[in-house]
């Protein structure tokens, strides 16, 4: 860093990352980060989804991680929770698919049917 402007820019980027992981009452993405998920590339998938959200300036989405989901052969797994809609679970979500899910499902509200493992209606 060479100036106060650089420091302020870094501060704002860090605050954006914090907002992506802590918004409430907004859309939420949950990425399975059990051992099998991490081995299948879940960390890279989550980072790609975060990057896509930042690129699109969609900062009202919470992105978190969870442990083992129990479907090792379908990892990486990402759940999409949009208030008032059923939870959608996607499988085999590599970084490219993660970016496409952000754009299609989160931003344009169009789930990608061919990658969906399950849709859970609210009880």
N, C-alpha and C. Protein backbone atom coordinates (compact mmCIF):
# COMPACT_ATOMS: atom_id res chain seq x y z
N UNK A 1 0.84 -1.18 0.00
CA UNK A 1 0.00 0.00 0.00
C UNK A 1 0.88 1.24 0.00
N UNK A 2 0.46 2.18 -0.78
CA UNK A 2 1.28 3.37 -0.91
C UNK A 2 0.55 4.63 -0.49
N UNK A 3 -0.78 4.51 -0.27
CA UNK A 3 -1.52 5.73 0.07
C UNK A 3 -2.73 5.39 0.93
N UNK A 4 -3.35 6.42 1.45
CA UNK A 4 -4.58 6.26 2.22
C UNK A 4 -5.71 5.76 1.31
N UNK A 5 -5.68 6.13 0.04
CA UNK A 5 -6.69 5.66 -0.90
C UNK A 5 -6.62 4.14 -1.05
N UNK A 6 -5.38 3.61 -1.12
CA UNK A 6 -5.21 2.16 -1.19
C UNK A 6 -5.78 1.47 0.04
N UNK A 7 -5.51 2.07 1.20
CA UNK A 7 -6.02 1.52 2.45
C UNK A 7 -7.55 1.57 2.50
N UNK A 8 -8.13 2.66 2.06
CA UNK A 8 -9.59 2.78 2.03
C UNK A 8 -10.21 1.78 1.06
N UNK A 9 -9.57 1.57 -0.08
CA UNK A 9 -10.06 0.60 -1.07
C UNK A 9 -10.02 -0.81 -0.47
N UNK A 10 -8.94 -1.16 0.20
CA UNK A 10 -8.82 -2.46 0.85
C UNK A 10 -9.88 -2.63 1.94
N UNK A 11 -10.11 -1.57 2.69
CA UNK A 11 -11.14 -1.60 3.74
C UNK A 11 -12.51 -1.88 3.13
N UNK A 12 -12.86 -1.19 2.05
CA UNK A 12 -14.17 -1.38 1.42
C UNK A 12 -14.31 -2.79 0.85
N UNK A 13 -13.26 -3.32 0.23
CA UNK A 13 -13.31 -4.69 -0.29
C UNK A 13 -13.52 -5.69 0.84
N UNK A 14 -12.86 -5.48 1.95
CA UNK A 14 -13.01 -6.38 3.10
C UNK A 14 -14.42 -6.28 3.67
N UNK A 15 -14.96 -5.09 3.77
CA UNK A 15 -16.32 -4.92 4.27
C UNK A 15 -17.33 -5.58 3.34
N UNK A 16 -17.10 -5.54 2.02
CA UNK A 16 -17.98 -6.22 1.08
C UNK A 16 -17.96 -7.72 1.32
N UNK A 17 -16.76 -8.27 1.55
CA UNK A 17 -16.66 -9.71 1.84
C UNK A 17 -17.41 -10.07 3.12
N UNK A 18 -17.32 -9.23 4.12
CA UNK A 18 -18.03 -9.47 5.38
C UNK A 18 -19.53 -9.43 5.15
N UNK A 19 -20.01 -8.45 4.39
CA UNK A 19 -21.45 -8.36 4.10
C UNK A 19 -21.95 -9.58 3.37
N UNK A 20 -21.14 -10.14 2.45
CA UNK A 20 -21.55 -11.33 1.70
C UNK A 20 -21.74 -12.53 2.62
N UNK A 21 -21.08 -12.55 3.76
CA UNK A 21 -21.18 -13.68 4.67
C UNK A 21 -22.13 -13.44 5.83
N UNK A 22 -22.77 -12.27 5.90
CA UNK A 22 -23.57 -12.00 7.09
C UNK A 22 -24.91 -11.32 6.85
N UNK A 23 -25.35 -11.14 5.62
CA UNK A 23 -26.66 -10.51 5.37
C UNK A 23 -27.76 -11.42 5.90
N UNK A 24 -28.83 -10.84 6.43
CA UNK A 24 -29.95 -11.65 6.90
C UNK A 24 -31.22 -11.22 6.19
N UNK A 25 -32.18 -12.15 6.06
CA UNK A 25 -33.43 -11.85 5.37
C UNK A 25 -33.25 -11.67 3.88
N UNK A 26 -32.16 -12.15 3.35
CA UNK A 26 -31.86 -11.99 1.94
C UNK A 26 -31.52 -13.36 1.36
N UNK A 27 -31.33 -13.46 0.05
CA UNK A 27 -30.94 -14.75 -0.52
C UNK A 27 -29.69 -15.28 0.16
N UNK A 28 -29.60 -16.62 0.23
CA UNK A 28 -28.47 -17.24 0.91
C UNK A 28 -27.99 -18.43 0.08
N UNK A 29 -26.67 -18.55 -0.02
CA UNK A 29 -26.03 -19.69 -0.68
C UNK A 29 -25.27 -20.45 0.40
N UNK A 30 -25.46 -21.76 0.46
CA UNK A 30 -24.74 -22.60 1.41
C UNK A 30 -23.96 -23.63 0.60
N UNK A 31 -22.64 -23.66 0.80
CA UNK A 31 -21.78 -24.57 0.07
C UNK A 31 -21.31 -25.66 1.03
N UNK A 32 -21.47 -26.92 0.62
CA UNK A 32 -21.01 -28.05 1.44
C UNK A 32 -19.50 -28.10 1.47
N UNK A 33 -18.94 -27.98 2.71
CA UNK A 33 -17.49 -27.94 2.86
C UNK A 33 -16.99 -29.05 3.77
N UNK A 34 -17.65 -30.23 3.68
CA UNK A 34 -17.10 -31.39 4.37
C UNK A 34 -15.83 -31.81 3.66
N UNK A 35 -15.16 -32.81 4.19
CA UNK A 35 -13.90 -33.27 3.59
C UNK A 35 -14.07 -33.63 2.11
N UNK A 36 -15.16 -34.34 1.81
CA UNK A 36 -15.36 -34.75 0.41
C UNK A 36 -15.66 -33.54 -0.48
N UNK A 37 -16.39 -32.56 0.05
CA UNK A 37 -16.67 -31.35 -0.71
C UNK A 37 -15.41 -30.57 -1.02
N UNK A 38 -14.57 -30.42 -0.01
CA UNK A 38 -13.31 -29.70 -0.21
C UNK A 38 -12.44 -30.43 -1.23
N UNK A 39 -12.37 -31.77 -1.11
CA UNK A 39 -11.58 -32.56 -2.05
C UNK A 39 -12.11 -32.43 -3.48
N UNK A 40 -13.42 -32.23 -3.61
CA UNK A 40 -14.04 -32.12 -4.95
C UNK A 40 -13.96 -30.70 -5.51
N UNK A 41 -13.47 -29.73 -4.71
CA UNK A 41 -13.30 -28.38 -5.22
C UNK A 41 -14.29 -27.36 -4.68
N UNK A 42 -14.94 -27.65 -3.54
CA UNK A 42 -15.95 -26.74 -3.00
C UNK A 42 -15.38 -25.37 -2.63
N UNK A 43 -14.16 -25.33 -2.14
CA UNK A 43 -13.57 -24.03 -1.78
C UNK A 43 -13.45 -23.13 -3.01
N UNK A 44 -12.96 -23.68 -4.11
CA UNK A 44 -12.82 -22.91 -5.34
C UNK A 44 -14.19 -22.49 -5.87
N UNK A 45 -15.17 -23.38 -5.73
CA UNK A 45 -16.54 -23.06 -6.15
C UNK A 45 -17.09 -21.89 -5.35
N UNK A 46 -16.93 -21.95 -4.02
CA UNK A 46 -17.43 -20.88 -3.17
C UNK A 46 -16.73 -19.55 -3.51
N UNK A 47 -15.43 -19.58 -3.71
CA UNK A 47 -14.70 -18.35 -4.05
C UNK A 47 -15.16 -17.79 -5.39
N UNK A 48 -15.46 -18.66 -6.36
CA UNK A 48 -15.96 -18.20 -7.66
C UNK A 48 -17.33 -17.55 -7.51
N UNK A 49 -18.18 -18.14 -6.66
CA UNK A 49 -19.51 -17.57 -6.44
C UNK A 49 -19.41 -16.21 -5.74
N UNK A 50 -18.52 -16.10 -4.77
CA UNK A 50 -18.29 -14.82 -4.09
C UNK A 50 -17.80 -13.78 -5.10
N UNK A 51 -16.85 -14.18 -5.94
CA UNK A 51 -16.32 -13.27 -6.94
C UNK A 51 -17.40 -12.80 -7.91
N UNK A 52 -18.26 -13.73 -8.33
CA UNK A 52 -19.34 -13.36 -9.26
C UNK A 52 -20.32 -12.40 -8.60
N UNK A 53 -20.64 -12.63 -7.33
CA UNK A 53 -21.53 -11.72 -6.61
C UNK A 53 -20.92 -10.33 -6.51
N UNK A 54 -19.62 -10.27 -6.22
CA UNK A 54 -18.94 -8.98 -6.14
C UNK A 54 -18.89 -8.29 -7.50
N UNK A 55 -18.58 -9.06 -8.54
CA UNK A 55 -18.50 -8.51 -9.89
C UNK A 55 -19.84 -7.89 -10.30
N UNK A 56 -20.91 -8.56 -9.93
CA UNK A 56 -22.26 -8.10 -10.28
C UNK A 56 -22.83 -7.11 -9.26
N UNK A 57 -22.02 -6.79 -8.25
CA UNK A 57 -22.41 -5.86 -7.19
C UNK A 57 -23.71 -6.30 -6.51
N UNK A 58 -23.84 -7.60 -6.34
CA UNK A 58 -25.00 -8.19 -5.66
C UNK A 58 -24.52 -8.53 -4.25
N UNK A 59 -24.57 -7.54 -3.36
CA UNK A 59 -23.98 -7.68 -2.04
C UNK A 59 -24.99 -8.01 -0.95
N UNK A 60 -26.25 -8.22 -1.32
CA UNK A 60 -27.25 -8.55 -0.31
C UNK A 60 -27.43 -10.06 -0.17
N UNK A 61 -26.54 -10.85 -0.72
CA UNK A 61 -26.62 -12.30 -0.66
C UNK A 61 -25.64 -12.80 0.40
N UNK A 62 -26.13 -13.67 1.29
CA UNK A 62 -25.27 -14.29 2.29
C UNK A 62 -24.70 -15.57 1.68
N UNK A 63 -23.41 -15.79 1.86
CA UNK A 63 -22.82 -17.04 1.41
C UNK A 63 -22.09 -17.65 2.59
N UNK A 64 -22.49 -18.89 2.92
CA UNK A 64 -21.91 -19.58 4.07
C UNK A 64 -21.51 -20.98 3.66
N UNK A 65 -20.91 -21.67 4.61
CA UNK A 65 -20.52 -23.05 4.36
C UNK A 65 -21.12 -23.94 5.43
N UNK A 66 -21.24 -25.21 5.09
CA UNK A 66 -21.74 -26.20 6.03
C UNK A 66 -20.84 -27.42 5.94
N UNK A 67 -21.03 -28.35 6.84
CA UNK A 67 -20.25 -29.59 6.84
C UNK A 67 -20.77 -30.56 5.80
N UNK A 68 -20.55 -31.81 6.05
CA UNK A 68 -20.93 -32.87 5.13
C UNK A 68 -22.43 -32.87 4.89
N UNK A 69 -22.82 -32.96 3.63
CA UNK A 69 -24.23 -33.00 3.25
C UNK A 69 -24.67 -34.45 3.05
N UNK A 70 -23.74 -35.37 2.88
CA UNK A 70 -24.06 -36.78 2.76
C UNK A 70 -24.19 -37.31 1.35
N UNK A 71 -23.90 -36.49 0.37
CA UNK A 71 -23.99 -36.92 -1.03
C UNK A 71 -22.62 -36.77 -1.69
N UNK A 72 -21.66 -37.53 -1.20
CA UNK A 72 -20.27 -37.36 -1.63
C UNK A 72 -20.09 -37.41 -3.14
N UNK A 73 -20.84 -38.27 -3.82
CA UNK A 73 -20.67 -38.41 -5.26
C UNK A 73 -21.18 -37.21 -6.04
N UNK A 74 -21.91 -36.31 -5.38
CA UNK A 74 -22.48 -35.13 -6.04
C UNK A 74 -21.78 -33.84 -5.63
N UNK A 75 -20.71 -33.95 -4.85
CA UNK A 75 -19.98 -32.76 -4.41
C UNK A 75 -19.24 -32.13 -5.58
N UNK A 76 -19.01 -30.85 -5.51
CA UNK A 76 -19.49 -29.84 -4.57
C UNK A 76 -21.01 -29.61 -4.69
N UNK A 77 -21.62 -29.39 -3.55
CA UNK A 77 -23.06 -29.15 -3.46
C UNK A 77 -23.28 -27.72 -3.00
N UNK A 78 -24.25 -27.05 -3.62
CA UNK A 78 -24.62 -25.68 -3.22
C UNK A 78 -26.13 -25.62 -3.06
N UNK A 79 -26.55 -25.07 -1.92
CA UNK A 79 -27.98 -24.86 -1.67
C UNK A 79 -28.29 -23.39 -1.91
N UNK A 80 -29.42 -23.12 -2.54
CA UNK A 80 -29.87 -21.75 -2.77
C UNK A 80 -31.15 -21.54 -1.98
N UNK A 81 -31.11 -20.58 -1.08
CA UNK A 81 -32.27 -20.23 -0.25
C UNK A 81 -32.70 -18.82 -0.63
N UNK A 82 -33.87 -18.69 -1.23
CA UNK A 82 -34.42 -17.38 -1.54
C UNK A 82 -35.69 -17.24 -0.72
N UNK A 83 -35.79 -16.19 0.10
CA UNK A 83 -36.96 -16.04 0.96
C UNK A 83 -38.27 -16.20 0.19
N UNK A 84 -39.16 -17.02 0.77
CA UNK A 84 -40.47 -17.24 0.17
C UNK A 84 -40.50 -18.28 -0.93
N UNK A 85 -39.35 -18.91 -1.22
CA UNK A 85 -39.28 -19.93 -2.27
C UNK A 85 -38.70 -21.21 -1.69
N UNK A 86 -38.94 -22.35 -2.36
CA UNK A 86 -38.35 -23.60 -1.88
C UNK A 86 -36.83 -23.55 -1.97
N UNK A 87 -36.17 -24.32 -1.09
CA UNK A 87 -34.72 -24.45 -1.14
C UNK A 87 -34.36 -25.32 -2.34
N UNK A 88 -33.37 -24.89 -3.11
CA UNK A 88 -32.91 -25.64 -4.28
C UNK A 88 -31.49 -26.12 -4.01
N UNK A 89 -31.26 -27.42 -4.23
CA UNK A 89 -29.95 -28.02 -4.01
C UNK A 89 -29.36 -28.41 -5.36
N UNK A 90 -28.17 -27.88 -5.64
CA UNK A 90 -27.45 -28.18 -6.88
C UNK A 90 -26.28 -29.12 -6.58
N UNK A 91 -25.99 -30.02 -7.52
CA UNK A 91 -24.86 -30.93 -7.36
C UNK A 91 -23.83 -30.73 -8.45
N UNK A 92 -22.62 -31.24 -8.16
CA UNK A 92 -21.48 -31.15 -9.09
C UNK A 92 -21.23 -29.71 -9.52
N UNK A 93 -21.21 -28.81 -8.54
CA UNK A 93 -21.08 -27.38 -8.81
C UNK A 93 -19.61 -26.99 -8.82
N UNK A 94 -19.02 -26.97 -10.00
CA UNK A 94 -17.64 -26.50 -10.14
C UNK A 94 -17.67 -24.96 -10.20
N UNK A 95 -16.52 -24.30 -10.22
CA UNK A 95 -16.53 -22.84 -10.24
C UNK A 95 -17.32 -22.23 -11.40
N UNK A 96 -17.23 -22.81 -12.58
CA UNK A 96 -17.97 -22.28 -13.73
C UNK A 96 -19.48 -22.39 -13.50
N UNK A 97 -19.93 -23.55 -13.03
CA UNK A 97 -21.35 -23.71 -12.74
C UNK A 97 -21.78 -22.79 -11.60
N UNK A 98 -20.91 -22.62 -10.62
CA UNK A 98 -21.24 -21.72 -9.51
C UNK A 98 -21.51 -20.31 -10.00
N UNK A 99 -20.68 -19.83 -10.90
CA UNK A 99 -20.90 -18.49 -11.47
C UNK A 99 -22.23 -18.44 -12.24
N UNK A 100 -22.51 -19.50 -13.01
CA UNK A 100 -23.76 -19.53 -13.78
C UNK A 100 -24.98 -19.58 -12.86
N UNK A 101 -24.88 -20.29 -11.74
CA UNK A 101 -25.98 -20.35 -10.78
C UNK A 101 -26.23 -18.97 -10.19
N UNK A 102 -25.16 -18.26 -9.86
CA UNK A 102 -25.32 -16.89 -9.32
C UNK A 102 -26.09 -16.04 -10.32
N UNK A 103 -25.68 -16.05 -11.57
CA UNK A 103 -26.31 -15.19 -12.57
C UNK A 103 -27.75 -15.64 -12.85
N UNK A 104 -27.93 -16.92 -13.12
CA UNK A 104 -29.26 -17.39 -13.52
C UNK A 104 -30.24 -17.45 -12.36
N UNK A 105 -29.85 -18.11 -11.27
CA UNK A 105 -30.79 -18.34 -10.17
C UNK A 105 -30.89 -17.16 -9.21
N UNK A 106 -29.76 -16.67 -8.74
CA UNK A 106 -29.77 -15.59 -7.75
C UNK A 106 -30.19 -14.26 -8.38
N UNK A 107 -29.60 -13.90 -9.49
CA UNK A 107 -29.85 -12.58 -10.08
C UNK A 107 -31.10 -12.58 -10.96
N UNK A 108 -31.24 -13.58 -11.84
CA UNK A 108 -32.35 -13.59 -12.79
C UNK A 108 -33.53 -14.46 -12.37
N UNK A 109 -33.43 -15.11 -11.21
CA UNK A 109 -34.51 -15.94 -10.64
C UNK A 109 -34.95 -17.07 -11.56
N UNK A 110 -33.98 -17.66 -12.27
CA UNK A 110 -34.26 -18.78 -13.16
C UNK A 110 -33.36 -19.95 -12.77
N UNK A 111 -33.88 -20.90 -11.98
CA UNK A 111 -33.06 -22.07 -11.61
C UNK A 111 -32.60 -22.83 -12.86
N UNK A 112 -31.48 -23.51 -12.74
CA UNK A 112 -30.93 -24.30 -13.84
C UNK A 112 -31.33 -25.76 -13.58
N UNK A 113 -32.42 -26.17 -14.19
CA UNK A 113 -33.05 -27.45 -13.90
C UNK A 113 -32.13 -28.66 -14.02
N UNK A 114 -31.27 -28.70 -15.03
CA UNK A 114 -30.47 -29.90 -15.27
C UNK A 114 -29.41 -30.14 -14.20
N UNK A 115 -29.12 -29.16 -13.33
CA UNK A 115 -28.13 -29.36 -12.27
C UNK A 115 -28.77 -29.55 -10.90
N UNK A 116 -30.09 -29.48 -10.81
CA UNK A 116 -30.78 -29.57 -9.53
C UNK A 116 -30.83 -31.01 -9.04
N UNK A 117 -30.42 -31.21 -7.78
CA UNK A 117 -30.53 -32.52 -7.14
C UNK A 117 -31.86 -32.66 -6.41
N UNK A 118 -32.30 -31.57 -5.81
CA UNK A 118 -33.51 -31.61 -4.97
C UNK A 118 -34.10 -30.22 -4.81
N UNK A 119 -35.42 -30.19 -4.68
CA UNK A 119 -36.13 -28.96 -4.33
C UNK A 119 -36.93 -29.27 -3.09
N UNK A 120 -36.68 -28.54 -2.01
CA UNK A 120 -37.37 -28.78 -0.74
C UNK A 120 -38.43 -27.71 -0.51
N UNK A 121 -39.68 -28.13 -0.57
CA UNK A 121 -40.78 -27.22 -0.27
C UNK A 121 -40.74 -26.90 1.22
N UNK A 122 -41.14 -25.68 1.56
CA UNK A 122 -41.21 -25.31 2.97
C UNK A 122 -42.31 -26.11 3.64
N UNK A 123 -42.06 -26.50 4.90
CA UNK A 123 -43.09 -27.26 5.62
C UNK A 123 -43.99 -26.38 6.43
